[in-house]
Every structure is written in structure tokens, then in C-alpha cells.
């Protein structure tokens, strides 16, 4: 590792909600929206991408603490963004 990520570092990722990201349990008029597992997938990648500049060749990183509030519905084909923030060690 080539350094330490600073507390307060934020990494934002933007994406468009594709069909594969939609809930598969929508029925009886419930709209198909971004499902929480995919939201977490994007959050995890934002956290990892924040670390990439600090990794030496051949290194990777695992482990994440997730505090998620999924409070708004995002329909398919909509633009969306997620952010990760380093709080502490």
C-alpha cells in the first residue's frame, strides 16, 4: 500500500439504473425500481475505487462497513449516484 486514505475522503460513482438493477418482486402495479442489493454493490465499488490510488500493483482490498438509508425509489433508465466516505480506521 502506498499511503493511507484520509478520514473524510469521499468517492462518488454515477450510473444509470439498468433492467438488471431492478427489483424482481414487483407485482400488482408496483413499479420496478432499483433494488437495495444493487445499491449496495455500487456503494461497495465506490468504497473500493476510493482506495485504488493507494494500492500497489497486485494489491486489492476487501472489507467494508455499510450504513445504508435507501429512502427513495429510482426507476429504470434513471441516472443515479452513490458516495462512500471514510469515517475512521
PDB file of N, CA and C in Angstrom:
ATOM      1  N   UNK A   1       0.847  -1.177   0.000  1.00  0.00           N
ATOM      2  CA  UNK A   1       0.000   0.000   0.000  1.00  0.00           C
ATOM      3  C   UNK A   1       0.887   1.231   0.000  1.00  0.00           C
ATOM      4  N   UNK A   2       0.507   2.209  -0.779  1.00  0.00           N
ATOM      5  CA  UNK A   2       1.340   3.379  -0.994  1.00  0.00           C
ATOM      6  C   UNK A   2       0.955   4.570  -0.124  1.00  0.00           C
ATOM      7  N   UNK A   3       0.074   4.412   0.805  1.00  0.00           N
ATOM      8  CA  UNK A   3      -0.343   5.523   1.648  1.00  0.00           C
ATOM      9  C   UNK A   3      -1.558   5.143   2.463  1.00  0.00           C
ATOM     10  N   UNK A   4      -2.112   6.112   3.130  1.00  0.00           N
ATOM     11  CA  UNK A   4      -3.298   5.899   3.953  1.00  0.00           C
ATOM     12  C   UNK A   4      -4.402   6.829   3.472  1.00  0.00           C
ATOM     13  N   UNK A   5      -5.572   6.278   3.316  1.00  0.00           N
ATOM     14  CA  UNK A   5      -6.708   7.105   2.913  1.00  0.00           C
ATOM     15  C   UNK A   5      -7.089   7.997   4.092  1.00  0.00           C
ATOM     16  N   UNK A   6      -7.306   9.251   3.824  1.00  0.00           N
ATOM     17  CA  UNK A   6      -7.590  10.221   4.882  1.00  0.00           C
ATOM     18  C   UNK A   6      -9.057  10.158   5.311  1.00  0.00           C
ATOM     19  N   UNK A   7      -9.300  10.363   6.591  1.00  0.00           N
ATOM     20  CA  UNK A   7     -10.661  10.483   7.099  1.00  0.00           C
ATOM     21  C   UNK A   7     -11.339  11.633   6.364  1.00  0.00           C
ATOM     22  N   UNK A   8     -12.555  11.406   5.943  1.00  0.00           N
ATOM     23  CA  UNK A   8     -13.297  12.422   5.207  1.00  0.00           C
ATOM     24  C   UNK A   8     -13.199  12.288   3.695  1.00  0.00           C
ATOM     25  N   UNK A   9     -12.355  11.357   3.210  1.00  0.00           N
ATOM     26  CA  UNK A   9     -12.259  11.131   1.768  1.00  0.00           C
ATOM     27  C   UNK A   9     -13.598  10.615   1.247  1.00  0.00           C
ATOM     28  N   UNK A  10     -14.087  11.221   0.180  1.00  0.00           N
ATOM     29  CA  UNK A  10     -15.371  10.837  -0.412  1.00  0.00           C
ATOM     30  C   UNK A  10     -15.135  10.420  -1.857  1.00  0.00           C
ATOM     31  N   UNK A  11     -15.774   9.340  -2.249  1.00  0.00           N
ATOM     32  CA  UNK A  11     -15.727   8.882  -3.645  1.00  0.00           C
ATOM     33  C   UNK A  11     -17.159   8.729  -4.132  1.00  0.00           C
ATOM     34  N   UNK A  12     -17.492   9.400  -5.203  1.00  0.00           N
ATOM     35  CA  UNK A  12     -18.831   9.320  -5.770  1.00  0.00           C
ATOM     36  C   UNK A  12     -18.783   8.526  -7.067  1.00  0.00           C
ATOM     37  N   UNK A  13     -19.769   7.693  -7.269  1.00  0.00           N
ATOM     38  CA  UNK A  13     -19.922   6.925  -8.501  1.00  0.00           C
ATOM     39  C   UNK A  13     -21.294   7.244  -9.086  1.00  0.00           C
ATOM     40  N   UNK A  14     -21.334   7.451 -10.382  1.00  0.00           N
ATOM     41  CA  UNK A  14     -22.595   7.709 -11.082  1.00  0.00           C
ATOM     42  C   UNK A  14     -22.883   6.535 -12.014  1.00  0.00           C
ATOM     43  N   UNK A  15     -24.156   6.204 -12.143  1.00  0.00           N
ATOM     44  CA  UNK A  15     -24.554   5.108 -13.015  1.00  0.00           C
ATOM     45  C   UNK A  15     -25.986   5.327 -13.463  1.00  0.00           C
ATOM     46  N   UNK A  16     -26.382   4.584 -14.476  1.00  0.00           N
ATOM     47  CA  UNK A  16     -27.763   4.586 -14.938  1.00  0.00           C
ATOM     48  C   UNK A  16     -28.382   3.258 -14.536  1.00  0.00           C
ATOM     49  N   UNK A  17     -29.556   3.309 -13.948  1.00  0.00           N
ATOM     50  CA  UNK A  17     -30.236   2.098 -13.498  1.00  0.00           C
ATOM     51  C   UNK A  17     -30.674   1.298 -14.726  1.00  0.00           C
ATOM     52  N   UNK A  18     -30.103   0.107 -14.868  1.00  0.00           N
ATOM     53  CA  UNK A  18     -30.424  -0.786 -15.987  1.00  0.00           C
ATOM     54  C   UNK A  18     -31.455  -1.821 -15.539  1.00  0.00           C
ATOM     55  N   UNK A  19     -32.013  -2.533 -16.488  1.00  0.00           N
ATOM     56  CA  UNK A  19     -33.022  -3.553 -16.175  1.00  0.00           C
ATOM     57  C   UNK A  19     -32.511  -4.561 -15.143  1.00  0.00           C
ATOM     58  N   UNK A  20     -31.242  -4.937 -15.239  1.00  0.00           N
ATOM     59  CA  UNK A  20     -30.685  -5.921 -14.301  1.00  0.00           C
ATOM     60  C   UNK A  20     -30.637  -5.407 -12.864  1.00  0.00           C
ATOM     61  N   UNK A  21     -30.746  -4.094 -12.651  1.00  0.00           N
ATOM     62  CA  UNK A  21     -30.680  -3.500 -11.316  1.00  0.00           C
ATOM     63  C   UNK A  21     -32.050  -3.360 -10.649  1.00  0.00           C
ATOM     64  N   UNK A  22     -33.103  -3.735 -11.356  1.00  0.00           N
ATOM     65  CA  UNK A  22     -34.462  -3.536 -10.851  1.00  0.00           C
ATOM     66  C   UNK A  22     -34.921  -4.696  -9.968  1.00  0.00           C
ATOM     67  N   UNK A  23     -35.795  -4.396  -9.015  1.00  0.00           N
ATOM     68  CA  UNK A  23     -36.334  -5.453  -8.162  1.00  0.00           C
ATOM     69  C   UNK A  23     -37.076  -6.470  -9.015  1.00  0.00           C
ATOM     70  N   UNK A  24     -37.038  -7.719  -8.580  1.00  0.00           N
ATOM     71  CA  UNK A  24     -37.713  -8.764  -9.343  1.00  0.00           C
ATOM     72  C   UNK A  24     -38.995  -9.220  -8.669  1.00  0.00           C
ATOM     73  N   UNK A  25     -39.419  -8.495  -7.645  1.00  0.00           N
ATOM     74  CA  UNK A  25     -40.622  -8.887  -6.920  1.00  0.00           C
ATOM     75  C   UNK A  25     -41.774  -7.918  -7.137  1.00  0.00           C
ATOM     76  N   UNK A  26     -41.627  -7.026  -8.116  1.00  0.00           N
ATOM     77  CA  UNK A  26     -42.698  -6.069  -8.404  1.00  0.00           C
ATOM     78  C   UNK A  26     -43.897  -6.801  -8.994  1.00  0.00           C
ATOM     79  N   UNK A  27     -45.072  -6.528  -8.439  1.00  0.00           N
ATOM     80  CA  UNK A  27     -46.299  -7.103  -8.972  1.00  0.00           C
ATOM     81  C   UNK A  27     -47.478  -6.229  -8.580  1.00  0.00           C
ATOM     82  N   UNK A  28     -48.623  -6.509  -9.136  1.00  0.00           N
ATOM     83  CA  UNK A  28     -49.851  -5.773  -8.815  1.00  0.00           C
ATOM     84  C   UNK A  28     -49.671  -4.260  -8.887  1.00  0.00           C
ATOM     85  N   UNK A  29     -49.021  -3.808  -9.950  1.00  0.00           N
ATOM     86  CA  UNK A  29     -48.877  -2.374 -10.153  1.00  0.00           C
ATOM     87  C   UNK A  29     -47.682  -1.747  -9.453  1.00  0.00           C
ATOM     88  N   UNK A  30     -46.937  -2.514  -8.666  1.00  0.00           N
ATOM     89  CA  UNK A  30     -45.747  -1.966  -8.013  1.00  0.00           C
ATOM     90  C   UNK A  30     -44.692  -1.691  -9.085  1.00  0.00           C
ATOM     91  N   UNK A  31     -44.118  -0.502  -9.094  1.00  0.00           N
ATOM     92  CA  UNK A  31     -43.134  -0.195 -10.131  1.00  0.00           C
ATOM     93  C   UNK A  31     -41.826  -0.947  -9.916  1.00  0.00           C
ATOM     94  N   UNK A  32     -41.144  -1.226 -11.013  1.00  0.00           N
ATOM     95  CA  UNK A  32     -39.821  -1.831 -10.928  1.00  0.00           C
ATOM     96  C   UNK A  32     -38.820  -0.707 -10.673  1.00  0.00           C
ATOM     97  N   UNK A  33     -38.109  -0.809  -9.560  1.00  0.00           N
ATOM     98  CA  UNK A  33     -37.174   0.225  -9.135  1.00  0.00           C
ATOM     99  C   UNK A  33     -35.834  -0.401  -8.750  1.00  0.00           C
ATOM    100  N   UNK A  34     -34.831   0.433  -8.562  1.00  0.00           N
ATOM    101  CA  UNK A  34     -33.514  -0.027  -8.148  1.00  0.00           C
ATOM    102  C   UNK A  34     -33.645  -0.837  -6.864  1.00  0.00           C
ATOM    103  N   UNK A  35     -33.084  -2.054  -6.870  1.00  0.00           N
ATOM    104  CA  UNK A  35     -33.171  -2.890  -5.674  1.00  0.00           C
ATOM    105  C   UNK A  35     -31.976  -2.612  -4.755  1.00  0.00           C
ATOM    106  N   UNK A  36     -32.186  -2.803  -3.471  1.00  0.00           N
ATOM    107  CA  UNK A  36     -31.171  -2.497  -2.469  1.00  0.00           C
ATOM    108  C   UNK A  36     -29.879  -3.295  -2.647  1.00  0.00           C
ATOM    109  N   UNK A  37     -29.920  -4.589  -2.990  1.00  0.00           N
ATOM    110  CA  UNK A  37     -28.646  -5.285  -3.199  1.00  0.00           C
ATOM    111  C   UNK A  37     -27.771  -4.638  -4.271  1.00  0.00           C
ATOM    112  N   UNK A  38     -28.380  -4.145  -5.349  1.00  0.00           N
ATOM    113  CA  UNK A  38     -27.581  -3.454  -6.365  1.00  0.00           C
ATOM    114  C   UNK A  38     -27.084  -2.118  -5.836  1.00  0.00           C
ATOM    115  N   UNK A  39     -27.880  -1.417  -5.059  1.00  0.00           N
ATOM    116  CA  UNK A  39     -27.421  -0.170  -4.442  1.00  0.00           C
ATOM    117  C   UNK A  39     -26.162  -0.434  -3.619  1.00  0.00           C
ATOM    118  N   UNK A  40     -26.180  -1.493  -2.835  1.00  0.00           N
ATOM    119  CA  UNK A  40     -25.023  -1.848  -2.017  1.00  0.00           C
ATOM    120  C   UNK A  40     -23.836  -2.227  -2.899  1.00  0.00           C
ATOM    121  N   UNK A  41     -24.074  -2.913  -4.009  1.00  0.00           N
ATOM    122  CA  UNK A  41     -22.995  -3.247  -4.946  1.00  0.00           C
ATOM    123  C   UNK A  41     -22.295  -1.978  -5.425  1.00  0.00           C
ATOM    124  N   UNK A  42     -23.075  -0.966  -5.810  1.00  0.00           N
ATOM    125  CA  UNK A  42     -22.484   0.294  -6.265  1.00  0.00           C
ATOM    126  C   UNK A  42     -21.748   1.009  -5.125  1.00  0.00           C
ATOM    127  N   UNK A  43     -22.296   0.963  -3.921  1.00  0.00           N
ATOM    128  CA  UNK A  43     -21.616   1.566  -2.769  1.00  0.00           C
ATOM    129  C   UNK A  43     -20.280   0.885  -2.491  1.00  0.00           C
ATOM    130  N   UNK A  44     -20.268  -0.425  -2.558  1.00  0.00           N
ATOM    131  CA  UNK A  44     -19.037  -1.169  -2.311  1.00  0.00           C
ATOM    132  C   UNK A  44     -17.971  -0.819  -3.349  1.00  0.00           C
ATOM    133  N   UNK A  45     -18.371  -0.657  -4.584  1.00  0.00           N
ATOM    134  CA  UNK A  45     -17.417  -0.282  -5.624  1.00  0.00           C
ATOM    135  C   UNK A  45     -16.921   1.151  -5.432  1.00  0.00           C
ATOM    136  N   UNK A  46     -17.779   2.038  -4.974  1.00  0.00           N
ATOM    137  CA  UNK A  46     -17.328   3.405  -4.681  1.00  0.00           C
ATOM    138  C   UNK A  46     -16.265   3.386  -3.589  1.00  0.00           C
ATOM    139  N   UNK A  47     -16.486   2.584  -2.552  1.00  0.00           N
ATOM    140  CA  UNK A  47     -15.504   2.483  -1.467  1.00  0.00           C
ATOM    141  C   UNK A  47     -14.190   1.902  -1.981  1.00  0.00           C
ATOM    142  N   UNK A  48     -14.265   0.867  -2.782  1.00  0.00           N
ATOM    143  CA  UNK A  48     -13.049   0.255  -3.321  1.00  0.00           C
ATOM    144  C   UNK A  48     -12.316   1.213  -4.245  1.00  0.00           C
ATOM    145  N   UNK A  49     -13.051   1.915  -5.095  1.00  0.00           N
ATOM    146  CA  UNK A  49     -12.419   2.853  -6.019  1.00  0.00           C
ATOM    147  C   UNK A  49     -11.730   4.011  -5.295  1.00  0.00           C
ATOM    148  N   UNK A  50     -12.211   4.345  -4.110  1.00  0.00           N
ATOM    149  CA  UNK A  50     -11.539   5.372  -3.305  1.00  0.00           C
ATOM    150  C   UNK A  50     -10.162   4.891  -2.851  1.00  0.00           C
ATOM    151  N   UNK A  51     -10.017   3.591  -2.689  1.00  0.00           N
ATOM    152  CA  UNK A  51      -8.760   3.008  -2.223  1.00  0.00           C
ATOM    153  C   UNK A  51      -7.769   2.725  -3.355  1.00  0.00           C
ATOM    154  N   UNK A  52      -8.236   2.546  -4.567  1.00  0.00           N
ATOM    155  CA  UNK A  52      -7.370   2.108  -5.665  1.00  0.00           C
ATOM    156  C   UNK A  52      -6.106   2.950  -5.857  1.00  0.00           C
ATOM    157  N   UNK A  53      -6.171   4.287  -5.750  1.00  0.00           N
ATOM    158  CA  UNK A  53      -4.950   5.067  -5.950  1.00  0.00           C
ATOM    159  C   UNK A  53      -3.865   4.779  -4.910  1.00  0.00           C
ATOM    160  N   UNK A  54      -4.229   4.189  -3.794  1.00  0.00           N
ATOM    161  CA  UNK A  54      -3.281   3.923  -2.718  1.00  0.00           C
ATOM    162  C   UNK A  54      -2.687   2.521  -2.780  1.00  0.00           C
ATOM    163  N   UNK A  55      -3.203   1.676  -3.648  1.00  0.00           N
ATOM    164  CA  UNK A  55      -2.755   0.291  -3.702  1.00  0.00           C
ATOM    165  C   UNK A  55      -1.566   0.121  -4.635  1.00  0.00           C
ATOM    166  N   UNK A  56      -0.657  -0.724  -4.230  1.00  0.00           N
ATOM    167  CA  UNK A  56       0.479  -1.080  -5.076  1.00  0.00           C
ATOM    168  C   UNK A  56       0.017  -2.100  -6.108  1.00  0.00           C
ATOM    169  N   UNK A  57       0.765  -2.245  -7.205  1.00  0.00           N
ATOM    170  CA  UNK A  57       0.397  -3.244  -8.211  1.00  0.00           C
ATOM    171  C   UNK A  57       0.219  -4.629  -7.584  1.00  0.00           C
ATOM    172  N   UNK A  58      -0.852  -5.299  -7.959  1.00  0.00           N
ATOM    173  CA  UNK A  58      -1.139  -6.632  -7.434  1.00  0.00           C
ATOM    174  C   UNK A  58      -1.919  -6.642  -6.138  1.00  0.00           C
ATOM    175  N   UNK A  59      -2.098  -5.480  -5.496  1.00  0.00           N
ATOM    176  CA  UNK A  59      -2.860  -5.419  -4.244  1.00  0.00           C
ATOM    177  C   UNK A  59      -4.340  -5.205  -4.537  1.00  0.00           C
ATOM    178  N   UNK A  60      -5.158  -5.617  -3.600  1.00  0.00           N
ATOM    179  CA  UNK A  60      -6.587  -5.370  -3.658  1.00  0.00           C
ATOM    180  C   UNK A  60      -7.050  -5.055  -2.246  1.00  0.00           C
ATOM    181  N   UNK A  61      -8.306  -4.815  -2.096  1.00  0.00           N
ATOM    182  CA  UNK A  61      -8.828  -4.502  -0.774  1.00  0.00           C
ATOM    183  C   UNK A  61     -10.193  -5.159  -0.605  1.00  0.00           C
ATOM    184  N   UNK A  62     -10.474  -5.551   0.610  1.00  0.00           N
ATOM    185  CA  UNK A  62     -11.774  -6.118   0.960  1.00  0.00           C
ATOM    186  C   UNK A  62     -12.192  -5.539   2.299  1.00  0.00           C
ATOM    187  N   UNK A  63     -13.431  -5.714   2.636  1.00  0.00           N
ATOM    188  CA  UNK A  63     -13.929  -5.260   3.930  1.00  0.00           C
ATOM    189  C   UNK A  63     -14.560  -3.891   3.823  1.00  0.00           C
ATOM    190  N   UNK A  64     -15.747  -3.810   4.338  1.00  0.00           N
ATOM    191  CA  UNK A  64     -16.472  -2.554   4.269  1.00  0.00           C
ATOM    192  C   UNK A  64     -17.537  -2.555   5.363  1.00  0.00           C
ATOM    193  N   UNK A  65     -17.794  -1.392   5.920  1.00  0.00           N
ATOM    194  CA  UNK A  65     -18.923  -1.213   6.829  1.00  0.00           C
ATOM    195  C   UNK A  65     -19.940  -0.381   6.066  1.00  0.00           C
ATOM    196  N   UNK A  66     -21.164  -0.848   6.057  1.00  0.00           N
ATOM    197  CA  UNK A  66     -22.188  -0.166   5.273  1.00  0.00           C
ATOM    198  C   UNK A  66     -23.303   0.329   6.186  1.00  0.00           C
ATOM    199  N   UNK A  67     -23.586   1.603   6.073  1.00  0.00           N
ATOM    200  CA  UNK A  67     -24.717   2.216   6.754  1.00  0.00           C
ATOM    201  C   UNK A  67     -25.594   2.783   5.644  1.00  0.00           C
ATOM    202  N   UNK A  68     -26.678   2.087   5.326  1.00  0.00           N
ATOM    203  CA  UNK A  68     -27.486   2.421   4.159  1.00  0.00           C
ATOM    204  C   UNK A  68     -28.854   2.940   4.570  1.00  0.00           C
ATOM    205  N   UNK A  69     -29.241   4.035   3.943  1.00  0.00           N
ATOM    206  CA  UNK A  69     -30.620   4.516   4.013  1.00  0.00           C
ATOM    207  C   UNK A  69     -31.111   4.593   2.576  1.00  0.00           C
ATOM    208  N   UNK A  70     -31.913   3.622   2.188  1.00  0.00           N
ATOM    209  CA  UNK A  70     -32.467   3.568   0.834  1.00  0.00           C
ATOM    210  C   UNK A  70     -33.883   4.108   0.934  1.00  0.00           C
ATOM    211  N   UNK A  71     -34.031   5.421   0.781  1.00  0.00           N
ATOM    212  CA  UNK A  71     -35.284   6.090   1.117  1.00  0.00           C
ATOM    213  C   UNK A  71     -36.068   6.643  -0.068  1.00  0.00           C
ATOM    214  N   UNK A  72     -35.542   6.443  -1.273  1.00  0.00           N
ATOM    215  CA  UNK A  72     -36.250   6.952  -2.446  1.00  0.00           C
ATOM    216  C   UNK A  72     -36.205   5.913  -3.556  1.00  0.00           C
ATOM    217  N   UNK A  73     -37.284   5.828  -4.287  1.00  0.00           N
ATOM    218  CA  UNK A  73     -37.357   4.884  -5.402  1.00  0.00           C
ATOM    219  C   UNK A  73     -36.691   5.489  -6.635  1.00  0.00           C
ATOM    220  N   UNK A  74     -35.869   4.691  -7.299  1.00  0.00           N
ATOM    221  CA  UNK A  74     -35.234   5.126  -8.542  1.00  0.00           C
ATOM    222  C   UNK A  74     -35.643   4.162  -9.641  1.00  0.00           C
ATOM    223  N   UNK A  75     -36.426   4.637 -10.601  1.00  0.00           N
ATOM    224  CA  UNK A  75     -36.880   3.747 -11.669  1.00  0.00           C
ATOM    225  C   UNK A  75     -35.773   3.449 -12.674  1.00  0.00           C
ATOM    226  N   UNK A  76     -36.030   2.456 -13.500  1.00  0.00           N
ATOM    227  CA  UNK A  76     -35.083   2.085 -14.541  1.00  0.00           C
ATOM    228  C   UNK A  76     -34.806   3.224 -15.499  1.00  0.00           C
ATOM    229  N   UNK A  77     -33.596   3.218 -16.032  1.00  0.00           N
ATOM    230  CA  UNK A  77     -33.105   4.185 -17.005  1.00  0.00           C
ATOM    231  C   UNK A  77     -32.856   5.574 -16.410  1.00  0.00           C
ATOM    232  N   UNK A  78     -32.973   5.701 -15.095  1.00  0.00           N
ATOM    233  CA  UNK A  78     -32.697   6.977 -14.427  1.00  0.00           C
ATOM    234  C   UNK A  78     -31.231   7.044 -14.016  1.00  0.00           C
ATOM    235  N   UNK A  79     -30.676   8.236 -14.038  1.00  0.00           N
ATOM    236  CA  UNK A  79     -29.313   8.448 -13.549  1.00  0.00           C
ATOM    237  C   UNK A  79     -29.342   8.442 -12.026  1.00  0.00           C
ATOM    238  N   UNK A  80     -28.286   7.923 -11.452  1.00  0.00           N
ATOM    239  CA  UNK A  80     -28.215   7.789 -10.002  1.00  0.00           C
ATOM    240  C   UNK A  80     -26.758   7.983  -9.578  1.00  0.00           C
ATOM    241  N   UNK A  81     -26.544   8.359  -8.336  1.00  0.00           N
ATOM    242  CA  UNK A  81     -25.181   8.434  -7.827  1.00  0.00           C
ATOM    243  C   UNK A  81     -25.154   7.903  -6.394  1.00  0.00           C
ATOM    244  N   UNK A  82     -24.004   7.361  -6.022  1.00  0.00           N
ATOM    245  CA  UNK A  82     -23.763   6.894  -4.659  1.00  0.00           C
ATOM    246  C   UNK A  82     -22.426   7.464  -4.220  1.00  0.00           C
ATOM    247  N   UNK A  83     -22.222   7.545  -2.918  1.00  0.00           N
ATOM    248  CA  UNK A  83     -20.947   8.053  -2.414  1.00  0.00           C
ATOM    249  C   UNK A  83     -20.503   7.234  -1.223  1.00  0.00           C
ATOM    250  N   UNK A  84     -19.199   7.061  -1.121  1.00  0.00           N
ATOM    251  CA  UNK A  84     -18.615   6.433   0.066  1.00  0.00           C
ATOM    252  C   UNK A  84     -17.770   7.496   0.761  1.00  0.00           C
ATOM    253  N   UNK A  85     -17.714   7.399   2.076  1.00  0.00           N
ATOM    254  CA  UNK A  85     -16.909   8.334   2.859  1.00  0.00           C
ATOM    255  C   UNK A  85     -16.128   7.567   3.913  1.00  0.00           C
ATOM    256  N   UNK A  86     -14.851   7.872   4.021  1.00  0.00           N
ATOM    257  CA  UNK A  86     -14.002   7.267   5.050  1.00  0.00           C
ATOM    258  C   UNK A  86     -14.243   8.011   6.343  1.00  0.00           C
ATOM    259  N   UNK A  87     -14.718   7.284   7.370  1.00  0.00           N
ATOM    260  CA  UNK A  87     -15.001   7.900   8.671  1.00  0.00           C
ATOM    261  C   UNK A  87     -13.825   7.741   9.629  1.00  0.00           C
ATOM    262  N   UNK A  88     -13.301   6.522   9.735  1.00  0.00           N
ATOM    263  CA  UNK A  88     -12.209   6.267  10.684  1.00  0.00           C
ATOM    264  C   UNK A  88     -11.559   4.936  10.348  1.00  0.00           C
ATOM    265  N   UNK A  89     -10.525   4.617  11.087  1.00  0.00           N
ATOM    266  CA  UNK A  89      -9.835   3.347  10.898  1.00  0.00           C
ATOM    267  C   UNK A  89     -10.545   2.287  11.683  1.00  0.00           C
TER     268      UNK A  89
END
